[in-house]
Amino acid sequence: MSETPDYMQAFKGYFRGIKSWDELSKLWDSLRQENYGQWYVYATDERPPASPLPVTELEQFIQLTDKYLRDNHEEDY
């Protein structure tokens, strides 16, 4: 039996675009404030994960993703 339904059950919201670096920083801050090991993180071209990321792994994901985005996007938004 796949664990995917746990993710789909937890996914109650929607996605919306981040249009500025300030909005991205606010998103990261929100995730950090609500980081209790309940966030499912995955690339959209992959299957949803079987379980949420542990607290420390989410922080590492945030740091690496933020650095990647800021280093690789020439736009200043």
C-alpha atoms as a PDB file:
ATOM      1  CA  MET A   1       0.000   0.000   0.000  1.00  0.00           C
ATOM      2  CA  SER A   2       1.361   3.415  -0.948  1.00  0.00           C
ATOM      3  CA  GLU A   3       1.942   6.107   1.639  1.00  0.00           C
ATOM      4  CA  THR A   4       0.928   8.778  -0.868  1.00  0.00           C
ATOM      5  CA  PRO A   5      -2.642   9.119   0.493  1.00  0.00           C
ATOM      6  CA  ASP A   6      -1.188  10.537   3.752  1.00  0.00           C
ATOM      7  CA  TYR A   7       0.299  13.402   1.766  1.00  0.00           C
ATOM      8  CA  MET A   8      -2.833  13.914  -0.300  1.00  0.00           C
ATOM      9  CA  GLN A   9      -4.933  13.977   2.858  1.00  0.00           C
ATOM     10  CA  ALA A  10      -2.597  16.547   4.427  1.00  0.00           C
ATOM     11  CA  PHE A  11      -2.564  18.726   1.294  1.00  0.00           C
ATOM     12  CA  LYS A  12      -5.558  20.943   1.913  1.00  0.00           C
ATOM     13  CA  GLY A  13      -4.304  24.217   0.499  1.00  0.00           C
ATOM     14  CA  TYR A  14      -3.210  25.517  -2.822  1.00  0.00           C
ATOM     15  CA  PHE A  15      -0.076  26.787  -4.442  1.00  0.00           C
ATOM     16  CA  ARG A  16       0.452  30.401  -5.331  1.00  0.00           C
ATOM     17  CA  GLY A  17       3.396  32.145  -6.869  1.00  0.00           C
ATOM     18  CA  ILE A  18       6.149  33.909  -4.999  1.00  0.00           C
ATOM     19  CA  LYS A  19       6.749  37.198  -6.803  1.00  0.00           C
ATOM     20  CA  SER A  20       9.526  38.831  -4.794  1.00  0.00           C
ATOM     21  CA  TRP A  21      12.522  37.971  -2.646  1.00  0.00           C
ATOM     22  CA  ASP A  22      10.678  39.499   0.296  1.00  0.00           C
ATOM     23  CA  GLU A  23       7.739  37.122  -0.248  1.00  0.00           C
ATOM     24  CA  LEU A  24      10.157  34.196  -0.423  1.00  0.00           C
ATOM     25  CA  SER A  25      11.783  35.257   2.849  1.00  0.00           C
ATOM     26  CA  LYS A  26       8.340  35.486   4.468  1.00  0.00           C
ATOM     27  CA  LEU A  27       7.482  32.004   3.212  1.00  0.00           C
ATOM     28  CA  TRP A  28      10.692  30.585   4.690  1.00  0.00           C
ATOM     29  CA  ASP A  29       9.966  32.374   7.991  1.00  0.00           C
ATOM     30  CA  SER A  30       6.457  30.905   8.088  1.00  0.00           C
ATOM     31  CA  LEU A  31       7.745  27.406   7.429  1.00  0.00           C
ATOM     32  CA  ARG A  32      10.380  27.797  10.142  1.00  0.00           C
ATOM     33  CA  GLN A  33       7.817  29.019  12.679  1.00  0.00           C
ATOM     34  CA  GLU A  34       5.579  26.037  11.941  1.00  0.00           C
ATOM     35  CA  ASN A  35       8.354  23.444  11.619  1.00  0.00           C
ATOM     36  CA  TYR A  36       7.196  20.522  13.721  1.00  0.00           C
ATOM     37  CA  GLY A  37       8.283  17.819  11.306  1.00  0.00           C
ATOM     38  CA  GLN A  38       4.993  17.837   9.401  1.00  0.00           C
ATOM     39  CA  TRP A  39       6.030  19.353   6.034  1.00  0.00           C
ATOM     40  CA  TYR A  40       6.070  17.187   2.923  1.00  0.00           C
ATOM     41  CA  VAL A  41       8.786  18.407   0.546  1.00  0.00           C
ATOM     42  CA  TYR A  42       9.459  17.101  -2.949  1.00  0.00           C
ATOM     43  CA  ALA A  43      10.170  18.185  -6.500  1.00  0.00           C
ATOM     44  CA  THR A  44       6.962  18.522  -8.465  1.00  0.00           C
ATOM     45  CA  ASP A  45       8.180  16.083 -11.102  1.00  0.00           C
ATOM     46  CA  GLU A  46       8.523  13.362  -8.447  1.00  0.00           C
ATOM     47  CA  ARG A  47       5.979  11.311  -6.546  1.00  0.00           C
ATOM     48  CA  PRO A  48       4.799  12.742  -3.216  1.00  0.00           C
ATOM     49  CA  PRO A  49       6.927  11.499  -0.318  1.00  0.00           C
ATOM     50  CA  ALA A  50       5.882   8.749   2.053  1.00  0.00           C
ATOM     51  CA  SER A  51       6.539  10.894   5.112  1.00  0.00           C
ATOM     52  CA  PRO A  52       7.229  14.508   6.066  1.00  0.00           C
ATOM     53  CA  LEU A  53      10.747  15.862   6.469  1.00  0.00           C
ATOM     54  CA  PRO A  54      12.266  15.885   9.952  1.00  0.00           C
ATOM     55  CA  VAL A  55      12.777  19.347  11.459  1.00  0.00           C
ATOM     56  CA  THR A  56      16.516  19.534  10.725  1.00  0.00           C
ATOM     57  CA  GLU A  57      16.108  18.350   7.134  1.00  0.00           C
ATOM     58  CA  LEU A  58      13.493  21.001   6.407  1.00  0.00           C
ATOM     59  CA  GLU A  59      15.858  23.707   7.656  1.00  0.00           C
ATOM     60  CA  GLN A  60      18.621  22.324   5.445  1.00  0.00           C
ATOM     61  CA  PHE A  61      16.224  22.248   2.477  1.00  0.00           C
ATOM     62  CA  ILE A  62      15.258  25.888   3.091  1.00  0.00           C
ATOM     63  CA  GLN A  63      18.868  27.029   3.290  1.00  0.00           C
ATOM     64  CA  LEU A  64      19.982  25.138   0.178  1.00  0.00           C
ATOM     65  CA  THR A  65      16.945  26.116  -1.887  1.00  0.00           C
ATOM     66  CA  ASP A  66      17.157  29.771  -0.891  1.00  0.00           C
ATOM     67  CA  LYS A  67      20.842  29.916  -1.820  1.00  0.00           C
ATOM     68  CA  TYR A  68      20.209  28.151  -5.134  1.00  0.00           C
ATOM     69  CA  LEU A  69      17.356  30.473  -6.090  1.00  0.00           C
ATOM     70  CA  ARG A  70      19.202  33.653  -5.174  1.00  0.00           C
ATOM     71  CA  ASP A  71      22.411  32.529  -6.897  1.00  0.00           C
ATOM     72  CA  ASN A  72      20.712  31.373 -10.098  1.00  0.00           C
ATOM     73  CA  HIS A  73      18.011  33.976 -10.726  1.00  0.00           C
ATOM     74  CA  GLU A  74      19.343  37.129 -12.316  1.00  0.00           C
ATOM     75  CA  GLU A  75      16.081  39.009 -11.837  1.00  0.00           C
ATOM     76  CA  ASP A  76      15.854  41.258  -8.799  1.00  0.00           C
ATOM     77  CA  TYR A  77      12.084  40.894  -8.588  1.00  0.00           C
END
